[in-house]
Amino acid sequence: MSAMTPFLTNEDIRALELSHGEIVAALEAAYAERARGGVSLITKIGFQESSGAFCHAMPVKALGLAVLKWVVSGTPGSGAKYINATLVASDAASGATLAVMEAEWLTALRTGGVTVAALKRLPPIARPVALFVGCGLQARIHAEMLRPFGIEKIFAVSRRRETAETFAHDMRAVGLQAVAIDRYEDAISQADIVVSAVPLSAGIVPFLDASRLKPGAFVASIDLGKPWFNVETFQYAITDDSPHAVGLKQNGHLAFKGGFDTDLACLVSGMGPKMETADRIYMVAPGNALSDAAMVRLILDKRSNGASR
């Protein structure tokens, strides 16, 4: 790596103050390119140990970039940081390394952006009530990015009551009604949007009952579909990238075993199925390196534009 190759920390990326609109637009452009056949992407490779610790390598060639993200979890219960992600971005034509980045913040932003990019293309209905199961960083990013969909009230439930209480307090501070609850059953039948972001420890027993959802509910399962059961009651299942998700099912990394009706490349290209307002929709987007490449392209362009002013 050249001495001049920049290393960007999470704080460097946060300092760019990427807008939600910029993030979603970058993802939409990347998945439109996927639909046109301009992306080389393979299923992430890696392993998960019985403790729940895992390592994943995620490569892609897209948007003029060759990108590799390396994700390593801390052992659950060890007190270590749960997710550790590092990304290397190279020029696709020359192979020159363009940047190395810490990728936790980048990952959180692109995951929320994927959810928004999909939800924009679903039947427009009022979505004032949201349920968050798991109240960590993903919940916070999603809560911010989903506010334009009309969220007024939030139910928060987490393994640790104090985590849910803190999340609810912070949501009230930005003007939302928010309450921490002990059991999801108290809220799931009221929710228009459910974001489940349960830590991916080994041996999760499904506990979220999809049959309790109201007509028209949208679920974003950021946890590989692991907490959900009765998923056959969804009218549609969607993902970020179908070939990638199918590969994950085949190698045992994806809990959801059903088929996908569409993915983000089809949705942004206007080729998705016609869904009705009463349809329950299940989004299991395990994340892939194309979403990361979209963020890298946005970050590099933003830095370049800033340096040229």
Protein backbone atom coordinates (compact mmCIF):
# COMPACT_ATOMS: atom_id res chain seq x y z
CA MET A 1 0.00 0.00 0.00
CA SER A 2 1.36 3.41 -0.94
CA ALA A 3 2.27 5.78 1.87
CA MET A 4 -0.17 8.19 0.28
CA THR A 5 -3.12 5.79 0.40
CA PRO A 6 -5.66 7.32 2.79
CA PHE A 7 -6.96 5.44 5.81
CA LEU A 8 -10.44 6.65 6.70
CA THR A 9 -11.78 6.03 10.17
CA ASN A 10 -15.44 5.85 11.11
CA GLU A 11 -15.13 9.42 12.36
CA ASP A 12 -13.65 10.57 9.03
CA ILE A 13 -16.69 9.11 7.26
CA ARG A 14 -19.12 10.62 9.75
CA ALA A 15 -17.46 14.00 9.23
CA LEU A 16 -18.50 13.93 5.57
CA GLU A 17 -22.10 14.31 6.79
CA LEU A 18 -23.54 12.20 4.00
CA SER A 19 -27.22 12.96 3.62
CA HIS A 20 -29.82 10.24 3.59
CA GLY A 21 -30.81 11.34 0.09
CA GLU A 22 -27.21 10.97 -1.16
CA ILE A 23 -26.92 7.51 0.36
CA VAL A 24 -30.17 6.22 -1.12
CA ALA A 25 -29.38 7.71 -4.53
CA ALA A 26 -25.94 6.07 -4.54
CA LEU A 27 -27.48 2.69 -3.70
CA GLU A 28 -30.18 3.09 -6.35
CA ALA A 29 -27.53 3.82 -8.99
CA ALA A 30 -25.52 0.77 -7.94
CA TYR A 31 -28.48 -1.60 -8.11
CA ALA A 32 -29.59 -0.15 -11.43
CA GLU A 33 -26.10 -1.02 -12.67
CA ARG A 34 -26.60 -4.51 -11.26
CA ALA A 35 -29.81 -4.84 -13.29
CA ARG A 36 -27.89 -3.83 -16.43
CA GLY A 37 -25.31 -6.57 -15.83
CA GLY A 38 -22.44 -4.25 -14.96
CA VAL A 39 -21.53 -5.80 -11.60
CA SER A 40 -19.35 -8.80 -10.68
CA LEU A 41 -20.47 -10.10 -7.29
CA ILE A 42 -20.02 -13.40 -5.50
CA THR A 43 -21.60 -14.61 -2.28
CA LYS A 44 -19.71 -13.58 0.82
CA ILE A 45 -17.42 -16.30 2.09
CA GLY A 46 -16.64 -17.09 5.69
CA PHE A 47 -17.61 -19.12 8.72
CA GLN A 48 -19.43 -18.85 12.02
CA GLU A 49 -18.29 -20.67 15.14
CA SER A 50 -20.54 -22.31 17.71
CA SER A 51 -19.95 -19.33 20.02
CA GLY A 52 -21.56 -17.05 17.43
CA ALA A 53 -18.27 -15.42 16.42
CA PHE A 54 -17.80 -15.13 12.65
CA CYS A 55 -15.48 -13.95 9.87
CA HIS A 56 -16.69 -12.87 6.42
CA ALA A 57 -14.90 -11.72 3.25
CA MET A 58 -17.06 -9.75 0.79
CA PRO A 59 -15.68 -8.94 -2.70
CA VAL A 60 -17.26 -7.03 -5.61
CA LYS A 61 -16.26 -5.26 -8.81
CA ALA A 62 -18.61 -2.40 -9.66
CA LEU A 63 -18.84 1.34 -10.27
CA GLY A 64 -15.22 1.52 -11.41
CA LEU A 65 -14.05 -0.06 -8.16
CA ALA A 66 -12.83 -3.39 -6.87
CA VAL A 67 -13.82 -3.60 -3.21
CA LEU A 68 -13.19 -6.13 -0.47
CA LYS A 69 -14.75 -5.89 2.97
CA TRP A 70 -13.46 -8.02 5.84
CA VAL A 71 -15.84 -8.43 8.78
CA VAL A 72 -14.87 -10.11 12.06
CA SER A 73 -17.11 -10.34 15.11
CA GLY A 74 -16.03 -10.33 18.69
CA THR A 75 -16.97 -13.42 20.70
CA PRO A 76 -20.45 -12.81 22.15
CA GLY A 77 -20.28 -12.07 25.85
CA SER A 78 -16.55 -11.27 25.79
CA GLY A 79 -17.04 -7.54 26.19
CA ALA A 80 -15.23 -6.90 22.91
CA LYS A 81 -16.73 -4.77 20.14
CA TYR A 82 -19.25 -7.01 18.35
CA ILE A 83 -18.57 -6.01 14.73
CA ASN A 84 -15.15 -5.08 13.35
CA ALA A 85 -15.18 -4.21 9.65
CA THR A 86 -12.36 -3.03 7.38
CA LEU A 87 -12.67 -2.25 3.69
CA VAL A 88 -10.07 -1.99 0.91
CA ALA A 89 -11.06 -0.06 -2.22
CA SER A 90 -9.05 -0.34 -5.45
CA ASP A 91 -9.38 1.15 -8.89
CA ALA A 92 -11.02 -1.51 -11.05
CA ALA A 93 -8.95 -0.64 -14.16
CA SER A 94 -5.46 -0.13 -12.72
CA GLY A 95 -5.70 -2.16 -9.54
CA ALA A 96 -4.23 0.72 -7.55
CA THR A 97 -5.37 0.92 -3.93
CA LEU A 98 -7.50 4.03 -3.48
CA ALA A 99 -8.35 3.85 0.22
CA VAL A 100 -8.60 1.66 3.28
CA MET A 101 -11.59 2.36 5.52
CA GLU A 102 -13.06 1.40 8.81
CA ALA A 103 -16.47 0.17 7.77
CA GLU A 104 -18.81 -0.06 10.78
CA TRP A 105 -20.42 3.35 10.21
CA LEU A 106 -20.44 2.86 6.44
CA THR A 107 -22.19 -0.49 6.91
CA ALA A 108 -24.85 0.94 9.19
CA LEU A 109 -25.64 3.73 6.73
CA ARG A 110 -25.84 1.50 3.68
CA THR A 111 -28.07 -1.00 5.48
CA GLY A 112 -30.57 1.71 6.37
CA GLY A 113 -30.33 3.06 2.84
CA VAL A 114 -31.15 -0.35 1.34
CA THR A 115 -34.28 -0.56 3.48
CA VAL A 116 -35.37 2.93 2.39
CA ALA A 117 -34.64 2.28 -1.29
CA ALA A 118 -36.91 -0.76 -1.17
CA LEU A 119 -39.66 0.84 0.91
CA LYS A 120 -39.85 3.77 -1.53
CA ARG A 121 -41.04 1.32 -4.17
CA LEU A 122 -43.70 -0.45 -2.14
CA PRO A 123 -47.38 0.56 -2.13
CA PRO A 124 -47.66 3.94 -0.37
CA ILE A 125 -49.65 3.61 2.84
CA ALA A 126 -49.63 5.48 6.14
CA ARG A 127 -46.84 4.13 8.36
CA PRO A 128 -47.10 6.02 11.66
CA VAL A 129 -46.20 3.14 14.02
CA ALA A 130 -42.82 1.39 14.08
CA LEU A 131 -41.56 -1.46 16.23
CA PHE A 132 -37.81 -1.88 16.75
CA VAL A 133 -36.65 -5.27 18.04
CA GLY A 134 -33.04 -4.74 19.01
CA CYS A 135 -32.11 -1.13 19.77
CA GLY A 136 -28.48 -0.78 18.76
CA LEU A 137 -26.84 1.21 15.96
CA GLN A 138 -28.94 -0.33 13.19
CA ALA A 139 -32.14 0.65 14.98
CA ARG A 140 -30.92 4.22 15.39
CA ILE A 141 -29.91 4.60 11.76
CA HIS A 142 -33.18 3.07 10.57
CA ALA A 143 -35.23 5.29 12.86
CA GLU A 144 -33.56 8.38 11.38
CA MET A 145 -33.86 7.24 7.78
CA LEU A 146 -37.46 6.02 8.06
CA ARG A 147 -38.89 9.23 9.54
CA PRO A 148 -39.90 10.60 6.08
CA PHE A 149 -42.36 7.68 5.84
CA GLY A 150 -44.50 9.35 8.48
CA ILE A 151 -43.43 7.54 11.66
CA GLU A 152 -45.05 9.13 14.69
CA LYS A 153 -44.82 6.44 17.35
CA ILE A 154 -42.10 3.94 18.19
CA PHE A 155 -42.17 0.80 20.31
CA ALA A 156 -38.72 -0.38 21.42
CA VAL A 157 -37.81 -3.80 22.76
CA SER A 158 -34.33 -5.18 23.38
CA ARG A 159 -32.62 -7.95 25.30
CA ARG A 160 -31.58 -5.39 27.91
CA ARG A 161 -34.40 -3.16 29.12
CA GLU A 162 -32.03 -0.23 29.62
CA THR A 163 -30.99 -0.34 25.96
CA ALA A 164 -34.61 -0.02 24.89
CA GLU A 165 -35.19 2.75 27.44
CA THR A 166 -32.21 4.74 26.16
CA PHE A 167 -33.33 4.33 22.56
CA ALA A 168 -36.88 5.41 23.41
CA HIS A 169 -35.56 8.43 25.34
CA ASP A 170 -33.45 9.52 22.37
CA MET A 171 -36.39 9.13 20.00
CA ARG A 172 -38.57 11.29 22.26
CA ALA A 173 -35.79 13.90 22.18
CA VAL A 174 -36.28 14.30 18.41
CA GLY A 175 -40.04 14.68 18.73
CA LEU A 176 -41.38 11.17 18.36
CA GLN A 177 -43.65 9.28 20.70
CA ALA A 178 -41.55 6.38 21.92
CA VAL A 179 -41.97 3.78 24.62
CA ALA A 180 -39.83 0.87 25.76
CA ILE A 181 -41.73 -2.40 26.15
CA ASP A 182 -40.84 -5.81 27.55
CA ARG A 183 -42.67 -8.00 25.03
CA TYR A 184 -43.01 -7.54 21.30
CA GLU A 185 -46.51 -9.09 21.41
CA ASP A 186 -47.75 -5.83 22.91
CA ALA A 187 -46.92 -3.93 19.72
CA ILE A 188 -46.50 -6.17 16.69
CA SER A 189 -50.17 -6.11 15.67
CA GLN A 190 -50.10 -2.30 15.70
CA ALA A 191 -46.88 -1.80 13.74
CA ASP A 192 -46.77 -0.56 10.16
CA ILE A 193 -42.99 -1.04 10.05
CA VAL A 194 -40.96 -3.58 12.04
CA VAL A 195 -37.17 -3.46 12.09
CA SER A 196 -35.63 -6.54 13.68
CA ALA A 197 -31.91 -6.21 14.35
CA VAL A 198 -31.20 -8.99 16.82
CA PRO A 199 -27.48 -9.79 17.40
CA LEU A 200 -26.54 -12.87 15.40
CA SER A 201 -25.48 -15.12 18.24
CA ALA A 202 -25.67 -18.85 17.71
CA GLY A 203 -28.79 -20.77 18.60
CA ILE A 204 -31.40 -18.04 18.16
CA VAL A 205 -34.86 -19.57 18.61
CA PRO A 206 -37.44 -17.79 16.40
CA PHE A 207 -39.71 -15.67 18.57
CA LEU A 208 -41.28 -13.07 16.24
CA ASP A 209 -44.61 -14.33 14.93
CA ALA A 210 -45.31 -12.97 11.44
CA SER A 211 -48.95 -14.09 11.62
CA ARG A 212 -49.60 -11.35 14.20
CA LEU A 213 -48.71 -8.56 11.77
CA LYS A 214 -51.43 -6.27 10.42
CA PRO A 215 -52.24 -6.16 6.68
CA GLY A 216 -49.81 -3.92 4.84
CA ALA A 217 -47.04 -4.27 7.42
CA PHE A 218 -43.44 -4.06 6.23
CA VAL A 219 -40.68 -5.99 8.01
CA ALA A 220 -36.98 -5.28 7.58
CA SER A 221 -35.13 -8.25 9.07
CA ILE A 222 -31.53 -7.05 9.47
CA ASP A 223 -30.71 -10.29 11.27
CA LEU A 224 -30.83 -12.82 8.42
CA GLY A 225 -34.43 -13.70 9.20
CA LYS A 226 -33.37 -15.63 12.31
CA PRO A 227 -35.99 -14.33 14.80
CA TRP A 228 -39.08 -14.83 12.59
CA PHE A 229 -41.51 -17.72 12.25
CA ASN A 230 -44.80 -18.23 10.38
CA VAL A 231 -43.11 -16.42 7.50
CA GLU A 232 -45.45 -18.12 5.04
CA THR A 233 -48.05 -15.52 6.09
CA PHE A 234 -46.12 -12.81 4.20
CA GLN A 235 -47.47 -12.16 0.73
CA TYR A 236 -44.03 -11.14 -0.60
CA ALA A 237 -40.42 -11.75 0.38
CA ILE A 238 -37.78 -9.41 -1.01
CA THR A 239 -34.01 -9.09 -0.62
CA ASP A 240 -31.18 -6.81 -1.64
CA ASP A 241 -29.64 -9.18 -4.22
CA SER A 242 -31.28 -12.49 -5.11
CA PRO A 243 -28.24 -14.44 -6.43
CA HIS A 244 -26.22 -13.40 -3.38
CA ALA A 245 -29.02 -14.31 -0.96
CA VAL A 246 -29.59 -17.68 -2.65
CA GLY A 247 -25.88 -18.39 -2.25
CA LEU A 248 -26.13 -17.59 1.45
CA LYS A 249 -29.05 -19.97 1.82
CA GLN A 250 -27.07 -22.72 0.13
CA ASN A 251 -24.09 -22.32 2.44
CA GLY A 252 -26.26 -22.10 5.56
CA HIS A 253 -25.72 -18.43 6.43
CA LEU A 254 -29.31 -17.31 5.83
CA ALA A 255 -32.09 -18.48 8.14
CA PHE A 256 -34.93 -17.68 5.72
CA LYS A 257 -35.42 -20.75 3.52
CA GLY A 258 -38.23 -19.51 1.28
CA GLY A 259 -37.98 -18.03 -2.17
CA PHE A 260 -37.63 -14.34 -2.98
CA ASP A 261 -40.22 -12.60 -5.14
CA THR A 262 -37.96 -9.74 -6.12
CA ASP A 263 -34.80 -7.85 -5.16
CA LEU A 264 -33.53 -4.30 -5.11
CA ALA A 265 -32.09 -4.37 -8.64
CA CYS A 266 -35.53 -5.30 -10.01
CA LEU A 267 -37.33 -2.76 -7.81
CA VAL A 268 -35.15 0.21 -8.75
CA SER A 269 -35.44 -0.77 -12.41
CA GLY A 270 -39.24 -0.90 -12.26
CA MET A 271 -39.37 -4.65 -12.86
CA GLY A 272 -40.74 -5.80 -9.51
CA PRO A 273 -44.13 -7.47 -9.00
CA LYS A 274 -47.27 -5.42 -8.46
CA MET A 275 -47.85 -5.43 -4.71
CA GLU A 276 -51.06 -4.29 -3.02
CA THR A 277 -51.48 -2.04 -0.01
CA ALA A 278 -52.76 -4.92 2.15
CA ASP A 279 -49.78 -7.18 1.39
CA ARG A 280 -47.45 -8.05 4.24
CA ILE A 281 -43.90 -7.68 2.93
CA TYR A 282 -40.81 -9.32 4.39
CA MET A 283 -37.40 -7.90 3.51
CA VAL A 284 -34.44 -10.10 4.38
CA ALA A 285 -31.42 -8.16 3.15
CA PRO A 286 -28.26 -9.87 4.46
CA GLY A 287 -26.00 -7.18 3.04
CA ASN A 288 -23.55 -7.54 0.20
CA ALA A 289 -20.45 -5.82 -1.11
CA LEU A 290 -22.31 -3.97 -3.88
CA SER A 291 -23.99 -1.82 -1.24
CA ASP A 292 -20.57 -1.20 0.28
CA ALA A 293 -19.13 -0.27 -3.13
CA ALA A 294 -21.95 2.24 -3.60
CA MET A 295 -20.98 3.87 -0.32
CA VAL A 296 -17.29 3.84 -1.23
CA ARG A 297 -18.03 5.52 -4.56
CA LEU A 298 -20.06 8.17 -2.75
CA ILE A 299 -17.36 8.72 -0.10
CA LEU A 300 -14.50 8.97 -2.61
CA ASP A 301 -16.47 11.34 -4.84
CA LYS A 302 -17.46 13.50 -1.87
CA ARG A 303 -13.86 13.73 -0.69
CA SER A 304 -12.66 14.51 -4.20
CA ASN A 305 -15.26 17.24 -4.65
CA GLY A 306 -14.39 18.69 -1.26
CA ALA A 307 -10.68 18.75 -2.08
CA SER A 308 -11.30 20.47 -5.42
CA ARG A 309 -13.17 23.41 -3.88
